Amino acid sequence: MDGKAGKEDKVGIVFIAGAGLKPWIWHKVAEAMDYPFLIIDASTGKDSIRSRKNFFFDDYISIMKKQVEEWGVTSFVIVAHSLGGVLGLQLASELNDRLRGFIAVGAVIPPKGGSFLSAFPFTQRMFASAMMRLLGTKPPDFAIRDGLCNDLPAELTDQIVRQFIPESIHVYTERVKASLPNVPRLYVKLSKDKQLSLSLQNQMISNLAPQEIRSMETGHLPMLANPEGLLKTLTDFMRDHVGIQNR
């Protein structure tokens, strides 16, 4: 999904959601901004489990890159959430001549040359890998409710649980080939996140080496729990690091 007319000559924002999440999670934030925006749909609009389960990492990147190229905006900032961190790093690398900034929102940022799973401690990594291979990549409903949605209202939680799409195991296990983007970088740390602990977020911050760190008192989905707060954080970044005001 993309928005804002007269977009070709403006700096835009590319939103990448975390695992299993639909593009609509970004709507309240994206539509309140005076920038062109593109909300990536990694499954190209299809809801079936088959639409992602056989993807390789490069398949995700090809779909994302195609959407950005068809969007038509000359330069942009990437805003990547959760699993979207690894995808965002690779997309940034492949479109580095157009990139103006990189914002990680409770995102997983692996060490250089690592995979999503490599960002986690050894025991947790081995357990998660075994569970994915045995049970698939969709967590049990109770885990989605308690981990992803711990501070959301019931109706939003129900919608996320109902619409959650399993990802390909390859997006978790394949290595990211990209280096850190040489642009202003921000990490948005989530103090009530039950999906990614504060100690793990600190490790992700170390891996990203951002110029700025912001904290929000939300769980893993700040774009739903506090869209106004996240909007302010993003517009502050655009003003301070990219030189663009939100009118």
Protein backbone atom coordinates (compact mmCIF):
# COMPACT_ATOMS: atom_id res chain seq x y z
CA MET A 1 0.00 0.00 0.00
CA ASP A 2 1.26 3.48 -0.85
CA GLY A 3 0.01 6.99 -0.30
CA LYS A 4 0.39 10.77 -0.74
CA ALA A 5 0.13 12.51 -4.11
CA GLY A 6 3.03 14.31 -5.80
CA LYS A 7 5.39 11.83 -4.22
CA GLU A 8 8.22 11.53 -6.75
CA ASP A 9 10.11 14.63 -5.58
CA LYS A 10 9.72 13.96 -1.84
CA VAL A 11 11.57 11.76 0.62
CA GLY A 12 9.28 8.85 1.45
CA ILE A 13 9.05 6.18 4.11
CA VAL A 14 9.05 2.44 3.50
CA PHE A 15 7.38 0.48 6.32
CA ILE A 16 8.26 -3.18 6.90
CA ALA A 17 6.20 -5.17 9.41
CA GLY A 18 7.34 -8.01 11.61
CA ALA A 19 6.67 -11.71 11.19
CA GLY A 20 3.15 -12.78 10.32
CA LEU A 21 1.70 -9.27 10.48
CA LYS A 22 -0.48 -7.58 7.89
CA PRO A 23 0.34 -4.14 6.40
CA TRP A 24 -2.64 -2.53 8.18
CA ILE A 25 -0.72 -2.38 11.46
CA TRP A 26 1.10 0.69 10.07
CA HIS A 27 -1.97 2.60 8.83
CA LYS A 28 -2.52 4.97 11.76
CA VAL A 29 1.10 6.08 11.73
CA ALA A 30 1.65 6.21 7.97
CA GLU A 31 -1.54 8.05 7.09
CA ALA A 32 -0.86 10.79 9.66
CA MET A 33 2.42 11.75 7.98
CA ASP A 34 2.93 14.28 5.21
CA TYR A 35 5.37 12.04 3.40
CA PRO A 36 4.86 9.54 0.61
CA PHE A 37 4.71 6.10 2.17
CA LEU A 38 4.87 2.50 1.07
CA ILE A 39 3.76 -0.32 3.37
CA ILE A 40 5.43 -3.47 2.12
CA ASP A 41 3.25 -6.53 1.59
CA ALA A 42 5.67 -9.45 1.71
CA SER A 43 3.04 -11.92 0.51
CA THR A 44 2.03 -9.76 -2.47
CA GLY A 45 -1.48 -9.51 -1.11
CA LYS A 46 -2.13 -13.25 -0.81
CA ASP A 47 -3.36 -14.69 2.48
CA SER A 48 -2.73 -18.38 1.91
CA ILE A 49 -0.03 -20.10 3.92
CA ARG A 50 1.47 -21.28 0.64
CA SER A 51 2.14 -17.68 -0.34
CA ARG A 52 5.13 -17.54 2.01
CA LYS A 53 6.07 -20.97 3.30
CA ASN A 54 8.28 -21.88 0.32
CA PHE A 55 10.00 -18.49 0.04
CA PHE A 56 13.74 -18.16 0.39
CA PHE A 57 15.22 -15.01 1.90
CA ASP A 58 15.98 -13.61 -1.55
CA ASP A 59 12.33 -14.13 -2.58
CA TYR A 60 11.22 -11.75 0.15
CA ILE A 61 13.80 -9.19 -0.96
CA SER A 62 12.80 -9.49 -4.62
CA ILE A 63 9.14 -8.83 -3.76
CA MET A 64 10.02 -5.88 -1.55
CA LYS A 65 12.45 -4.38 -4.05
CA LYS A 66 9.88 -4.66 -6.85
CA GLN A 67 7.29 -2.82 -4.76
CA VAL A 68 9.75 -0.01 -3.99
CA GLU A 69 10.74 0.33 -7.64
CA GLU A 70 7.09 0.45 -8.78
CA TRP A 71 6.33 3.02 -6.09
CA GLY A 72 8.36 5.65 -7.91
CA VAL A 73 9.74 7.67 -4.98
CA THR A 74 13.32 8.75 -5.54
CA SER A 75 14.66 8.55 -1.97
CA PHE A 76 13.32 7.15 1.27
CA VAL A 77 13.81 6.11 4.88
CA ILE A 78 13.23 2.47 5.89
CA VAL A 79 11.22 1.81 9.06
CA ALA A 80 11.62 -1.86 9.98
CA HIS A 81 9.86 -3.70 12.79
CA SER A 82 10.87 -6.99 14.47
CA LEU A 83 11.73 -9.63 11.82
CA GLY A 84 11.57 -6.77 9.32
CA GLY A 85 14.96 -5.68 10.64
CA VAL A 86 16.82 -8.40 8.74
CA LEU A 87 14.79 -7.78 5.58
CA GLY A 88 15.24 -4.03 5.92
CA LEU A 89 19.02 -4.34 6.17
CA GLN A 90 19.21 -6.32 2.95
CA LEU A 91 16.77 -4.02 1.14
CA ALA A 92 18.78 -1.01 2.31
CA SER A 93 21.95 -2.57 0.91
CA GLU A 94 20.42 -3.21 -2.49
CA LEU A 95 18.93 0.30 -2.74
CA ASN A 96 21.65 2.17 -0.87
CA ASP A 97 21.93 4.98 -3.43
CA ARG A 98 18.35 6.00 -2.62
CA LEU A 99 18.41 5.48 1.14
CA ARG A 100 18.27 8.51 3.49
CA GLY A 101 17.80 6.81 6.87
CA PHE A 102 17.12 3.55 8.70
CA ILE A 103 14.81 3.20 11.71
CA ALA A 104 14.57 -0.07 13.65
CA VAL A 105 11.43 -0.38 15.79
CA GLY A 106 11.90 -3.23 18.26
CA ALA A 107 13.73 -4.87 15.37
CA VAL A 108 16.10 -7.81 15.21
CA ILE A 109 19.50 -6.72 13.92
CA PRO A 110 21.90 -9.65 13.62
CA PRO A 111 25.67 -9.35 13.80
CA LYS A 112 27.34 -8.84 10.43
CA GLY A 113 26.86 -11.89 8.22
CA GLY A 114 24.36 -13.46 10.61
CA SER A 115 20.77 -14.64 10.35
CA PHE A 116 17.71 -13.62 12.35
CA LEU A 117 18.25 -16.56 14.69
CA SER A 118 21.96 -15.80 15.10
CA ALA A 119 21.00 -12.62 16.96
CA PHE A 120 19.71 -14.67 19.91
CA PRO A 121 21.59 -16.54 22.65
CA PHE A 122 22.67 -20.08 21.73
CA THR A 123 20.09 -21.96 23.84
CA GLN A 124 17.20 -19.80 22.66
CA ARG A 125 18.42 -20.07 19.07
CA MET A 126 18.57 -23.86 19.15
CA PHE A 127 15.17 -24.16 20.82
CA ALA A 128 13.49 -21.78 18.37
CA SER A 129 15.03 -23.53 15.37
CA ALA A 130 13.86 -26.95 16.58
CA MET A 131 10.33 -25.70 17.29
CA MET A 132 10.03 -24.06 13.88
CA ARG A 133 11.11 -27.22 12.10
CA LEU A 134 8.76 -29.34 14.17
CA LEU A 135 5.68 -27.12 14.49
CA GLY A 136 6.08 -24.43 11.84
CA THR A 137 6.61 -20.70 12.19
CA LYS A 138 3.20 -19.67 13.50
CA PRO A 139 3.33 -19.41 17.32
CA PRO A 140 0.41 -20.78 19.35
CA ASP A 141 -2.42 -18.30 19.79
CA PHE A 142 -1.64 -17.81 23.48
CA ALA A 143 1.97 -16.88 22.60
CA ILE A 144 0.81 -14.28 20.09
CA ARG A 145 -1.56 -12.82 22.68
CA ASP A 146 1.00 -12.76 25.50
CA GLY A 147 4.10 -11.89 23.47
CA LEU A 148 3.02 -9.68 20.58
CA CYS A 149 -0.13 -8.17 22.00
CA ASN A 150 0.41 -7.88 25.76
CA ASP A 151 -0.63 -4.21 25.91
CA LEU A 152 -3.27 -4.12 23.15
CA PRO A 153 -7.06 -4.06 23.48
CA ALA A 154 -8.91 -7.34 23.01
CA GLU A 155 -10.36 -6.61 19.58
CA LEU A 156 -6.97 -5.70 18.09
CA THR A 157 -5.41 -8.76 19.69
CA ASP A 158 -8.13 -11.00 18.25
CA GLN A 159 -7.58 -9.53 14.79
CA ILE A 160 -3.83 -10.11 14.90
CA VAL A 161 -4.25 -13.68 16.12
CA ARG A 162 -6.87 -14.41 13.46
CA GLN A 163 -4.87 -12.92 10.59
CA PHE A 164 -1.35 -14.06 11.53
CA ILE A 165 0.46 -15.52 8.50
CA PRO A 166 3.26 -18.07 9.01
CA GLU A 167 6.57 -17.07 7.44
CA SER A 168 9.06 -19.25 5.61
CA ILE A 169 11.63 -20.82 7.90
CA HIS A 170 14.31 -19.56 5.51
CA VAL A 171 13.77 -15.94 6.51
CA TYR A 172 14.82 -16.90 10.04
CA THR A 173 17.78 -19.12 9.15
CA GLU A 174 19.41 -17.63 6.04
CA ARG A 175 22.25 -15.17 6.56
CA VAL A 176 21.92 -11.47 5.77
CA LYS A 177 24.61 -10.48 3.29
CA ALA A 178 24.31 -6.75 3.92
CA SER A 179 26.49 -4.43 5.97
CA LEU A 180 25.03 -1.63 8.08
CA PRO A 181 23.65 1.17 5.90
CA ASN A 182 25.83 4.29 5.87
CA VAL A 183 22.95 6.64 6.71
CA PRO A 184 21.50 8.09 9.94
CA ARG A 185 20.16 5.22 12.05
CA LEU A 186 17.68 5.16 14.94
CA TYR A 187 16.67 2.32 17.24
CA VAL A 188 13.27 2.55 18.95
CA LYS A 189 13.49 0.57 22.18
CA LEU A 190 10.27 -0.87 23.64
CA SER A 191 10.33 -1.02 27.43
CA LYS A 192 7.32 -3.36 27.87
CA ASP A 193 8.18 -5.72 25.04
CA LYS A 194 7.62 -9.37 25.98
CA GLN A 195 8.69 -10.62 22.55
CA LEU A 196 12.16 -9.10 22.59
CA SER A 197 13.61 -8.53 26.06
CA LEU A 198 15.40 -5.34 27.00
CA SER A 199 18.72 -7.17 27.17
CA LEU A 200 18.18 -8.50 23.66
CA GLN A 201 17.14 -5.07 22.42
CA ASN A 202 20.36 -3.70 23.89
CA GLN A 203 22.27 -6.27 21.86
CA MET A 204 20.38 -5.24 18.72
CA ILE A 205 21.28 -1.62 19.47
CA SER A 206 24.93 -2.61 19.76
CA ASN A 207 24.71 -4.43 16.41
CA LEU A 208 23.03 -1.47 14.68
CA ALA A 209 25.27 1.22 16.24
CA PRO A 210 22.60 3.91 15.75
CA GLN A 211 23.22 7.63 16.02
CA GLU A 212 20.13 7.89 18.21
CA ILE A 213 18.09 5.68 20.55
CA ARG A 214 14.52 6.46 21.57
CA SER A 215 12.45 4.59 24.17
CA MET A 216 8.72 3.96 24.20
CA GLU A 217 6.72 2.48 27.07
CA THR A 218 4.89 -0.09 24.95
CA GLY A 219 4.95 -3.76 24.09
CA HIS A 220 6.10 -5.16 20.75
CA LEU A 221 3.56 -3.27 18.61
CA PRO A 222 3.96 0.46 19.34
CA MET A 223 2.31 1.39 16.05
CA LEU A 224 -0.92 0.02 17.55
CA ALA A 225 -0.38 0.64 21.26
CA ASN A 226 0.79 4.25 20.88
CA PRO A 227 0.64 5.41 17.24
CA GLU A 228 0.86 9.08 18.23
CA GLY A 229 4.07 8.48 20.18
CA LEU A 230 5.66 6.52 17.34
CA LEU A 231 4.54 9.15 14.84
CA LYS A 232 6.36 11.82 16.87
CA THR A 233 9.51 9.71 17.05
CA LEU A 234 9.53 9.17 13.28
CA THR A 235 8.79 12.80 12.42
CA ASP A 236 11.50 13.96 14.83
CA PHE A 237 13.96 11.71 13.00
CA MET A 238 12.88 13.05 9.61
CA ARG A 239 13.36 16.60 10.86
CA ASP A 240 16.62 16.13 12.78
CA HIS A 241 18.45 13.61 10.57
CA VAL A 242 16.90 13.95 7.12
CA GLY A 243 15.97 17.63 7.22
CA ILE A 244 12.32 17.13 6.30
CA GLN A 245 9.43 18.67 8.26
CA ASN A 246 6.02 17.03 8.72
CA ARG A 247 3.55 19.81 7.95
